[in-house]
C-alpha cells in the first residue's frame, strides 16, 4: 500500500472553482490554475517534506522507482517476480 493518502476532492477547492468560474466568469482552466497555485502556496512545507522523503527512497535502481510509484516494498516486488535485468 502506498504511504500517501488517495487523492480526494477538497470541498474548499470545489467552492473556490465554482466561485471563480460562475460568479467571476473565469474560464475553468484559469480557475484550476489559480486553485493549484493557492493550494501549493498553503501547503508548500508539506509538499517539500514529501518530495524530500521520496527522494531519500530512490537509490538509482528501477526497483526503487517502481516501489515509490506503486507503494509496494522492494521485498513485495521481488515476491511478485522482481525487476528485469537492464543488461
PDB file of N, CA and C in Angstrom:
ATOM      1  N   UNK A   1       0.826  -1.195   0.000  1.00  0.00           N
ATOM      2  CA  UNK A   1       0.000   0.000   0.000  1.00  0.00           C
ATOM      3  C   UNK A   1       0.865   1.251   0.000  1.00  0.00           C
ATOM      4  N   UNK A   2       0.511   2.240  -0.799  1.00  0.00           N
ATOM      5  CA  UNK A   2       1.266   3.486  -0.778  1.00  0.00           C
ATOM      6  C   UNK A   2       1.164   4.151   0.581  1.00  0.00           C
ATOM      7  N   UNK A   3       2.215   4.879   0.969  1.00  0.00           N
ATOM      8  CA  UNK A   3       2.166   5.566   2.255  1.00  0.00           C
ATOM      9  C   UNK A   3       1.563   6.955   2.136  1.00  0.00           C
ATOM     10  N   UNK A   4       0.942   7.232   1.006  1.00  0.00           N
ATOM     11  CA  UNK A   4       0.248   8.507   0.832  1.00  0.00           C
ATOM     12  C   UNK A   4      -1.244   8.229   0.749  1.00  0.00           C
ATOM     13  N   UNK A   5      -2.023   9.205   1.122  1.00  0.00           N
ATOM     14  CA  UNK A   5      -3.468   9.054   1.049  1.00  0.00           C
ATOM     15  C   UNK A   5      -3.933   9.220  -0.389  1.00  0.00           C
ATOM     16  N   UNK A   6      -5.018   8.536  -0.750  1.00  0.00           N
ATOM     17  CA  UNK A   6      -5.523   8.717  -2.118  1.00  0.00           C
ATOM     18  C   UNK A   6      -6.012  10.147  -2.322  1.00  0.00           C
ATOM     19  N   UNK A   7      -5.994  10.581  -3.561  1.00  0.00           N
ATOM     20  CA  UNK A   7      -6.484  11.923  -3.863  1.00  0.00           C
ATOM     21  C   UNK A   7      -7.975  11.994  -3.597  1.00  0.00           C
ATOM     22  N   UNK A   8      -8.386  13.040  -2.965  1.00  0.00           N
ATOM     23  CA  UNK A   8      -9.802  13.248  -2.696  1.00  0.00           C
ATOM     24  C   UNK A   8     -10.168  14.653  -3.150  1.00  0.00           C
ATOM     25  N   UNK A   9     -11.440  14.872  -3.298  1.00  0.00           N
ATOM     26  CA  UNK A   9     -11.908  16.197  -3.690  1.00  0.00           C
ATOM     27  C   UNK A   9     -12.021  17.061  -2.451  1.00  0.00           C
ATOM     28  N   UNK A  10     -11.357  18.173  -2.483  1.00  0.00           N
ATOM     29  CA  UNK A  10     -11.379  19.115  -1.371  1.00  0.00           C
ATOM     30  C   UNK A  10     -12.594  20.029  -1.535  1.00  0.00           C
ATOM     31  N   UNK A  11     -13.528  19.987  -0.593  1.00  0.00           N
ATOM     32  CA  UNK A  11     -14.715  20.846  -0.712  1.00  0.00           C
ATOM     33  C   UNK A  11     -14.362  22.324  -0.860  1.00  0.00           C
ATOM     34  N   UNK A  12     -13.266  22.748  -0.216  1.00  0.00           N
ATOM     35  CA  UNK A  12     -12.829  24.138  -0.351  1.00  0.00           C
ATOM     36  C   UNK A  12     -12.455  24.440  -1.790  1.00  0.00           C
ATOM     37  N   UNK A  13     -11.797  23.471  -2.426  1.00  0.00           N
ATOM     38  CA  UNK A  13     -11.397  23.650  -3.814  1.00  0.00           C
ATOM     39  C   UNK A  13     -12.589  23.743  -4.742  1.00  0.00           C
ATOM     40  N   UNK A  14     -13.582  22.921  -4.488  1.00  0.00           N
ATOM     41  CA  UNK A  14     -14.799  22.959  -5.316  1.00  0.00           C
ATOM     42  C   UNK A  14     -15.484  24.308  -5.167  1.00  0.00           C
ATOM     43  N   UNK A  15     -15.572  24.802  -3.946  1.00  0.00           N
ATOM     44  CA  UNK A  15     -16.186  26.119  -3.728  1.00  0.00           C
ATOM     45  C   UNK A  15     -15.394  27.203  -4.439  1.00  0.00           C
ATOM     46  N   UNK A  16     -14.072  27.129  -4.342  1.00  0.00           N
ATOM     47  CA  UNK A  16     -13.208  28.108  -4.992  1.00  0.00           C
ATOM     48  C   UNK A  16     -13.412  28.079  -6.500  1.00  0.00           C
ATOM     49  N   UNK A  17     -13.390  26.882  -7.086  1.00  0.00           N
ATOM     50  CA  UNK A  17     -13.564  26.764  -8.537  1.00  0.00           C
ATOM     51  C   UNK A  17     -14.955  27.217  -8.962  1.00  0.00           C
ATOM     52  N   UNK A  18     -15.965  26.864  -8.181  1.00  0.00           N
ATOM     53  CA  UNK A  18     -17.331  27.271  -8.503  1.00  0.00           C
ATOM     54  C   UNK A  18     -17.450  28.783  -8.459  1.00  0.00           C
ATOM     55  N   UNK A  19     -16.893  29.388  -7.413  1.00  0.00           N
ATOM     56  CA  UNK A  19     -16.945  30.846  -7.286  1.00  0.00           C
ATOM     57  C   UNK A  19     -16.268  31.502  -8.477  1.00  0.00           C
ATOM     58  N   UNK A  20     -15.044  31.045  -8.772  1.00  0.00           N
ATOM     59  CA  UNK A  20     -14.290  31.667  -9.861  1.00  0.00           C
ATOM     60  C   UNK A  20     -14.958  31.476 -11.219  1.00  0.00           C
ATOM     61  N   UNK A  21     -15.441  30.270 -11.494  1.00  0.00           N
ATOM     62  CA  UNK A  21     -15.959  30.005 -12.839  1.00  0.00           C
ATOM     63  C   UNK A  21     -17.330  30.626 -13.078  1.00  0.00           C
ATOM     64  N   UNK A  22     -18.191  30.603 -12.082  1.00  0.00           N
ATOM     65  CA  UNK A  22     -19.559  31.076 -12.298  1.00  0.00           C
ATOM     66  C   UNK A  22     -19.785  32.514 -11.869  1.00  0.00           C
ATOM     67  N   UNK A  23     -19.314  32.854 -10.700  1.00  0.00           N
ATOM     68  CA  UNK A  23     -19.597  34.190 -10.196  1.00  0.00           C
ATOM     69  C   UNK A  23     -18.670  35.252 -10.772  1.00  0.00           C
ATOM     70  N   UNK A  24     -17.436  34.871 -11.047  1.00  0.00           N
ATOM     71  CA  UNK A  24     -16.485  35.847 -11.591  1.00  0.00           C
ATOM     72  C   UNK A  24     -16.262  35.647 -13.082  1.00  0.00           C
ATOM     73  N   UNK A  25     -16.944  34.663 -13.662  1.00  0.00           N
ATOM     74  CA  UNK A  25     -16.863  34.395 -15.098  1.00  0.00           C
ATOM     75  C   UNK A  25     -15.425  34.148 -15.551  1.00  0.00           C
ATOM     76  N   UNK A  26     -14.708  33.363 -14.753  1.00  0.00           N
ATOM     77  CA  UNK A  26     -13.337  32.986 -15.086  1.00  0.00           C
ATOM     78  C   UNK A  26     -13.371  31.658 -15.827  1.00  0.00           C
ATOM     79  N   UNK A  27     -12.606  31.507 -16.898  1.00  0.00           N
ATOM     80  CA  UNK A  27     -12.561  30.201 -17.562  1.00  0.00           C
ATOM     81  C   UNK A  27     -12.120  29.123 -16.573  1.00  0.00           C
ATOM     82  N   UNK A  28     -12.697  27.934 -16.678  1.00  0.00           N
ATOM     83  CA  UNK A  28     -12.446  26.868 -15.713  1.00  0.00           C
ATOM     84  C   UNK A  28     -10.954  26.553 -15.603  1.00  0.00           C
ATOM     85  N   UNK A  29     -10.249  26.482 -16.720  1.00  0.00           N
ATOM     86  CA  UNK A  29      -8.827  26.146 -16.650  1.00  0.00           C
ATOM     87  C   UNK A  29      -8.038  27.211 -15.892  1.00  0.00           C
ATOM     88  N   UNK A  30      -8.404  28.453 -16.047  1.00  0.00           N
ATOM     89  CA  UNK A  30      -7.732  29.521 -15.291  1.00  0.00           C
ATOM     90  C   UNK A  30      -8.044  29.395 -13.805  1.00  0.00           C
ATOM     91  N   UNK A  31      -9.273  29.047 -13.476  1.00  0.00           N
ATOM     92  CA  UNK A  31      -9.658  28.866 -12.079  1.00  0.00           C
ATOM     93  C   UNK A  31      -8.892  27.693 -11.467  1.00  0.00           C
ATOM     94  N   UNK A  32      -8.726  26.615 -12.242  1.00  0.00           N
ATOM     95  CA  UNK A  32      -7.959  25.460 -11.759  1.00  0.00           C
ATOM     96  C   UNK A  32      -6.517  25.854 -11.472  1.00  0.00           C
ATOM     97  N   UNK A  33      -5.926  26.590 -12.385  1.00  0.00           N
ATOM     98  CA  UNK A  33      -4.533  27.027 -12.200  1.00  0.00           C
ATOM     99  C   UNK A  33      -4.397  27.888 -10.945  1.00  0.00           C
ATOM    100  N   UNK A  34      -5.345  28.772 -10.735  1.00  0.00           N
ATOM    101  CA  UNK A  34      -5.303  29.646  -9.558  1.00  0.00           C
ATOM    102  C   UNK A  34      -5.444  28.822  -8.280  1.00  0.00           C
ATOM    103  N   UNK A  35      -6.336  27.823  -8.304  1.00  0.00           N
ATOM    104  CA  UNK A  35      -6.527  26.980  -7.128  1.00  0.00           C
ATOM    105  C   UNK A  35      -5.261  26.183  -6.837  1.00  0.00           C
ATOM    106  N   UNK A  36      -4.642  25.643  -7.880  1.00  0.00           N
ATOM    107  CA  UNK A  36      -3.423  24.858  -7.687  1.00  0.00           C
ATOM    108  C   UNK A  36      -2.314  25.735  -7.114  1.00  0.00           C
ATOM    109  N   UNK A  37      -2.177  26.955  -7.622  1.00  0.00           N
ATOM    110  CA  UNK A  37      -1.174  27.881  -7.076  1.00  0.00           C
ATOM    111  C   UNK A  37      -1.455  28.177  -5.608  1.00  0.00           C
ATOM    112  N   UNK A  38      -2.730  28.416  -5.281  1.00  0.00           N
ATOM    113  CA  UNK A  38      -3.103  28.719  -3.902  1.00  0.00           C
ATOM    114  C   UNK A  38      -2.833  27.516  -2.999  1.00  0.00           C
ATOM    115  N   UNK A  39      -3.219  26.317  -3.451  1.00  0.00           N
ATOM    116  CA  UNK A  39      -3.006  25.101  -2.663  1.00  0.00           C
ATOM    117  C   UNK A  39      -1.510  24.879  -2.423  1.00  0.00           C
ATOM    118  N   UNK A  40      -0.708  25.026  -3.482  1.00  0.00           N
ATOM    119  CA  UNK A  40       0.736  24.822  -3.356  1.00  0.00           C
ATOM    120  C   UNK A  40       1.343  25.818  -2.378  1.00  0.00           C
ATOM    121  N   UNK A  41       0.895  27.065  -2.432  1.00  0.00           N
ATOM    122  CA  UNK A  41       1.416  28.083  -1.519  1.00  0.00           C
ATOM    123  C   UNK A  41       1.053  27.751  -0.071  1.00  0.00           C
ATOM    124  N   UNK A  42      -0.168  27.287   0.154  1.00  0.00           N
ATOM    125  CA  UNK A  42      -0.626  26.983   1.514  1.00  0.00           C
ATOM    126  C   UNK A  42       0.007  25.706   2.067  1.00  0.00           C
ATOM    127  N   UNK A  43       0.432  24.792   1.193  1.00  0.00           N
ATOM    128  CA  UNK A  43       0.964  23.502   1.633  1.00  0.00           C
ATOM    129  C   UNK A  43       2.432  23.307   1.240  1.00  0.00           C
ATOM    130  N   UNK A  44       3.122  24.395   0.979  1.00  0.00           N
ATOM    131  CA  UNK A  44       4.494  24.334   0.483  1.00  0.00           C
ATOM    132  C   UNK A  44       5.401  23.478   1.370  1.00  0.00           C
ATOM    133  N   UNK A  45       5.375  23.690   2.681  1.00  0.00           N
ATOM    134  CA  UNK A  45       6.254  22.932   3.581  1.00  0.00           C
ATOM    135  C   UNK A  45       5.949  21.442   3.531  1.00  0.00           C
ATOM    136  N   UNK A  46       4.658  21.090   3.517  1.00  0.00           N
ATOM    137  CA  UNK A  46       4.253  19.676   3.404  1.00  0.00           C
ATOM    138  C   UNK A  46       4.753  19.057   2.106  1.00  0.00           C
ATOM    139  N   UNK A  47       4.575  19.789   1.021  1.00  0.00           N
ATOM    140  CA  UNK A  47       4.968  19.294  -0.303  1.00  0.00           C
ATOM    141  C   UNK A  47       6.470  19.082  -0.358  1.00  0.00           C
ATOM    142  N   UNK A  48       7.238  20.039   0.134  1.00  0.00           N
ATOM    143  CA  UNK A  48       8.695  19.930   0.129  1.00  0.00           C
ATOM    144  C   UNK A  48       9.146  18.748   0.979  1.00  0.00           C
ATOM    145  N   UNK A  49       8.539  18.563   2.147  1.00  0.00           N
ATOM    146  CA  UNK A  49       8.903  17.445   3.021  1.00  0.00           C
ATOM    147  C   UNK A  49       8.608  16.109   2.338  1.00  0.00           C
ATOM    148  N   UNK A  50       7.485  15.999   1.651  1.00  0.00           N
ATOM    149  CA  UNK A  50       7.140  14.756   0.969  1.00  0.00           C
ATOM    150  C   UNK A  50       8.082  14.480  -0.195  1.00  0.00           C
ATOM    151  N   UNK A  51       8.446  15.512  -0.939  1.00  0.00           N
ATOM    152  CA  UNK A  51       9.392  15.342  -2.048  1.00  0.00           C
ATOM    153  C   UNK A  51      10.735  14.872  -1.502  1.00  0.00           C
ATOM    154  N   UNK A  52      11.210  15.476  -0.433  1.00  0.00           N
ATOM    155  CA  UNK A  52      12.495  15.070   0.155  1.00  0.00           C
ATOM    156  C   UNK A  52      12.443  13.627   0.646  1.00  0.00           C
ATOM    157  N   UNK A  53      11.341  13.248   1.283  1.00  0.00           N
ATOM    158  CA  UNK A  53      11.188  11.869   1.760  1.00  0.00           C
ATOM    159  C   UNK A  53      11.218  10.895   0.587  1.00  0.00           C
ATOM    160  N   UNK A  54      10.516  11.241  -0.484  1.00  0.00           N
ATOM    161  CA  UNK A  54      10.500  10.370  -1.666  1.00  0.00           C
ATOM    162  C   UNK A  54      11.878  10.277  -2.312  1.00  0.00           C
ATOM    163  N   UNK A  55      12.609  11.375  -2.381  1.00  0.00           N
ATOM    164  CA  UNK A  55      13.946  11.349  -2.964  1.00  0.00           C
ATOM    165  C   UNK A  55      14.889  10.465  -2.157  1.00  0.00           C
ATOM    166  N   UNK A  56      14.730  10.435  -0.829  1.00  0.00           N
ATOM    167  CA  UNK A  56      15.560   9.572   0.015  1.00  0.00           C
ATOM    168  C   UNK A  56      15.305   8.095  -0.291  1.00  0.00           C
ATOM    169  N   UNK A  57      14.090   7.775  -0.742  1.00  0.00           N
ATOM    170  CA  UNK A  57      13.744   6.383  -1.048  1.00  0.00           C
ATOM    171  C   UNK A  57      14.339   5.913  -2.370  1.00  0.00           C
ATOM    172  N   UNK A  58      14.685   6.835  -3.244  1.00  0.00           N
ATOM    173  CA  UNK A  58      15.229   6.475  -4.542  1.00  0.00           C
ATOM    174  C   UNK A  58      16.728   6.213  -4.419  1.00  0.00           C
ATOM    175  N   UNK A  59      17.165   5.046  -4.923  1.00  0.00           N
ATOM    176  CA  UNK A  59      18.582   4.720  -4.866  1.00  0.00           C
ATOM    177  C   UNK A  59      19.187   4.508  -6.252  1.00  0.00           C
ATOM    178  N   UNK A  60      18.487   4.921  -7.276  1.00  0.00           N
ATOM    179  CA  UNK A  60      19.001   4.804  -8.633  1.00  0.00           C
ATOM    180  C   UNK A  60      18.656   3.497  -9.331  1.00  0.00           C
ATOM    181  N   UNK A  61      17.956   2.618  -8.636  1.00  0.00           N
ATOM    182  CA  UNK A  61      17.584   1.345  -9.255  1.00  0.00           C
ATOM    183  C   UNK A  61      16.157   1.411  -9.765  1.00  0.00           C
ATOM    184  N   UNK A  62      15.854   0.640 -10.813  1.00  0.00           N
ATOM    185  CA  UNK A  62      14.463   0.595 -11.282  1.00  0.00           C
ATOM    186  C   UNK A  62      13.504   0.124 -10.183  1.00  0.00           C
ATOM    187  N   UNK A  63      13.959  -0.792  -9.334  1.00  0.00           N
ATOM    188  CA  UNK A  63      13.106  -1.292  -8.249  1.00  0.00           C
ATOM    189  C   UNK A  63      12.670  -0.195  -7.293  1.00  0.00           C
ATOM    190  N   UNK A  64      13.583   0.736  -6.991  1.00  0.00           N
ATOM    191  CA  UNK A  64      13.213   1.817  -6.075  1.00  0.00           C
ATOM    192  C   UNK A  64      12.186   2.745  -6.710  1.00  0.00           C
ATOM    193  N   UNK A  65      12.291   2.939  -8.026  1.00  0.00           N
ATOM    194  CA  UNK A  65      11.315   3.776  -8.733  1.00  0.00           C
ATOM    195  C   UNK A  65       9.946   3.102  -8.719  1.00  0.00           C
ATOM    196  N   UNK A  66       9.917   1.802  -9.043  1.00  0.00           N
ATOM    197  CA  UNK A  66       8.649   1.061  -9.050  1.00  0.00           C
ATOM    198  C   UNK A  66       8.056   1.037  -7.650  1.00  0.00           C
ATOM    199  N   UNK A  67       8.887   0.857  -6.654  1.00  0.00           N
ATOM    200  CA  UNK A  67       8.422   0.846  -5.269  1.00  0.00           C
ATOM    201  C   UNK A  67       7.779   2.176  -4.894  1.00  0.00           C
ATOM    202  N   UNK A  68       8.442   3.264  -5.253  1.00  0.00           N
ATOM    203  CA  UNK A  68       7.910   4.596  -4.936  1.00  0.00           C
ATOM    204  C   UNK A  68       6.588   4.849  -5.662  1.00  0.00           C
ATOM    205  N   UNK A  69       6.525   4.476  -6.934  1.00  0.00           N
ATOM    206  CA  UNK A  69       5.318   4.734  -7.723  1.00  0.00           C
ATOM    207  C   UNK A  69       4.144   3.850  -7.329  1.00  0.00           C
ATOM    208  N   UNK A  70       4.427   2.603  -6.911  1.00  0.00           N
ATOM    209  CA  UNK A  70       3.336   1.671  -6.606  1.00  0.00           C
ATOM    210  C   UNK A  70       3.002   1.598  -5.130  1.00  0.00           C
ATOM    211  N   UNK A  71       3.966   1.988  -4.288  1.00  0.00           N
ATOM    212  CA  UNK A  71       3.756   1.849  -2.854  1.00  0.00           C
ATOM    213  C   UNK A  71       4.096   0.457  -2.347  1.00  0.00           C
ATOM    214  N   UNK A  72       4.561  -0.424  -3.250  1.00  0.00           N
ATOM    215  CA  UNK A  72       4.964  -1.767  -2.848  1.00  0.00           C
ATOM    216  C   UNK A  72       6.404  -1.735  -2.342  1.00  0.00           C
ATOM    217  N   UNK A  73       6.703  -2.579  -1.350  1.00  0.00           N
ATOM    218  CA  UNK A  73       8.078  -2.668  -0.875  1.00  0.00           C
ATOM    219  C   UNK A  73       8.907  -3.425  -1.906  1.00  0.00           C
ATOM    220  N   UNK A  74      10.225  -3.249  -1.843  1.00  0.00           N
ATOM    221  CA  UNK A  74      11.123  -3.977  -2.732  1.00  0.00           C
ATOM    222  C   UNK A  74      10.928  -5.481  -2.522  1.00  0.00           C
ATOM    223  N   UNK A  75      10.738  -5.874  -1.271  1.00  0.00           N
ATOM    224  CA  UNK A  75      10.527  -7.292  -0.964  1.00  0.00           C
ATOM    225  C   UNK A  75       9.285  -7.823  -1.682  1.00  0.00           C
ATOM    226  N   UNK A  76       8.215  -7.044  -1.645  1.00  0.00           N
ATOM    227  CA  UNK A  76       6.969  -7.482  -2.307  1.00  0.00           C
ATOM    228  C   UNK A  76       7.155  -7.526  -3.822  1.00  0.00           C
ATOM    229  N   UNK A  77       7.867  -6.558  -4.373  1.00  0.00           N
ATOM    230  CA  UNK A  77       8.138  -6.553  -5.817  1.00  0.00           C
ATOM    231  C   UNK A  77       8.905  -7.818  -6.189  1.00  0.00           C
ATOM    232  N   UNK A  78       9.895  -8.181  -5.361  1.00  0.00           N
ATOM    233  CA  UNK A  78      10.661  -9.398  -5.624  1.00  0.00           C
ATOM    234  C   UNK A  78       9.784 -10.645  -5.514  1.00  0.00           C
ATOM    235  N   UNK A  79       8.854 -10.662  -4.546  1.00  0.00           N
ATOM    236  CA  UNK A  79       7.918 -11.789  -4.425  1.00  0.00           C
ATOM    237  C   UNK A  79       7.055 -11.930  -5.674  1.00  0.00           C
ATOM    238  N   UNK A  80       6.745 -10.814  -6.299  1.00  0.00           N
ATOM    239  CA  UNK A  80       5.899 -10.830  -7.489  1.00  0.00           C
ATOM    240  C   UNK A  80       6.678 -11.058  -8.782  1.00  0.00           C
ATOM    241  N   UNK A  81       7.970 -11.297  -8.664  1.00  0.00           N
ATOM    242  CA  UNK A  81       8.756 -11.574  -9.874  1.00  0.00           C
ATOM    243  C   UNK A  81       9.934 -10.657 -10.055  1.00  0.00           C
ATOM    244  N   UNK A  82      10.019  -9.614  -9.254  1.00  0.00           N
ATOM    245  CA  UNK A  82      11.161  -8.720  -9.316  1.00  0.00           C
ATOM    246  C   UNK A  82      11.196  -7.850 -10.559  1.00  0.00           C
ATOM    247  N   UNK A  83      12.331  -7.238 -10.733  1.00  0.00           N
ATOM    248  CA  UNK A  83      12.552  -6.348 -11.879  1.00  0.00           C
ATOM    249  C   UNK A  83      13.474  -7.055 -12.860  1.00  0.00           C
ATOM    250  N   UNK A  84      13.220  -6.878 -14.173  1.00  0.00           N
ATOM    251  CA  UNK A  84      14.105  -7.490 -15.161  1.00  0.00           C
ATOM    252  C   UNK A  84      15.491  -6.829 -15.121  1.00  0.00           C
ATOM    253  N   UNK A  85      16.516  -7.610 -15.455  1.00  0.00           N
ATOM    254  CA  UNK A  85      17.868  -7.044 -15.530  1.00  0.00           C
ATOM    255  C   UNK A  85      17.905  -6.027 -16.662  1.00  0.00           C
ATOM    256  N   UNK A  86      18.646  -4.956 -16.480  1.00  0.00           N
ATOM    257  CA  UNK A  86      18.709  -3.922 -17.502  1.00  0.00           C
ATOM    258  C   UNK A  86      19.897  -4.112 -18.440  1.00  0.00           C
ATOM    259  N   UNK A  87      20.491  -5.311 -18.467  1.00  0.00           N
ATOM    260  CA  UNK A  87      21.624  -5.586 -19.356  1.00  0.00           C
ATOM    261  C   UNK A  87      21.172  -5.825 -20.749  1.00  0.00           C
TER     262      UNK A  87
END
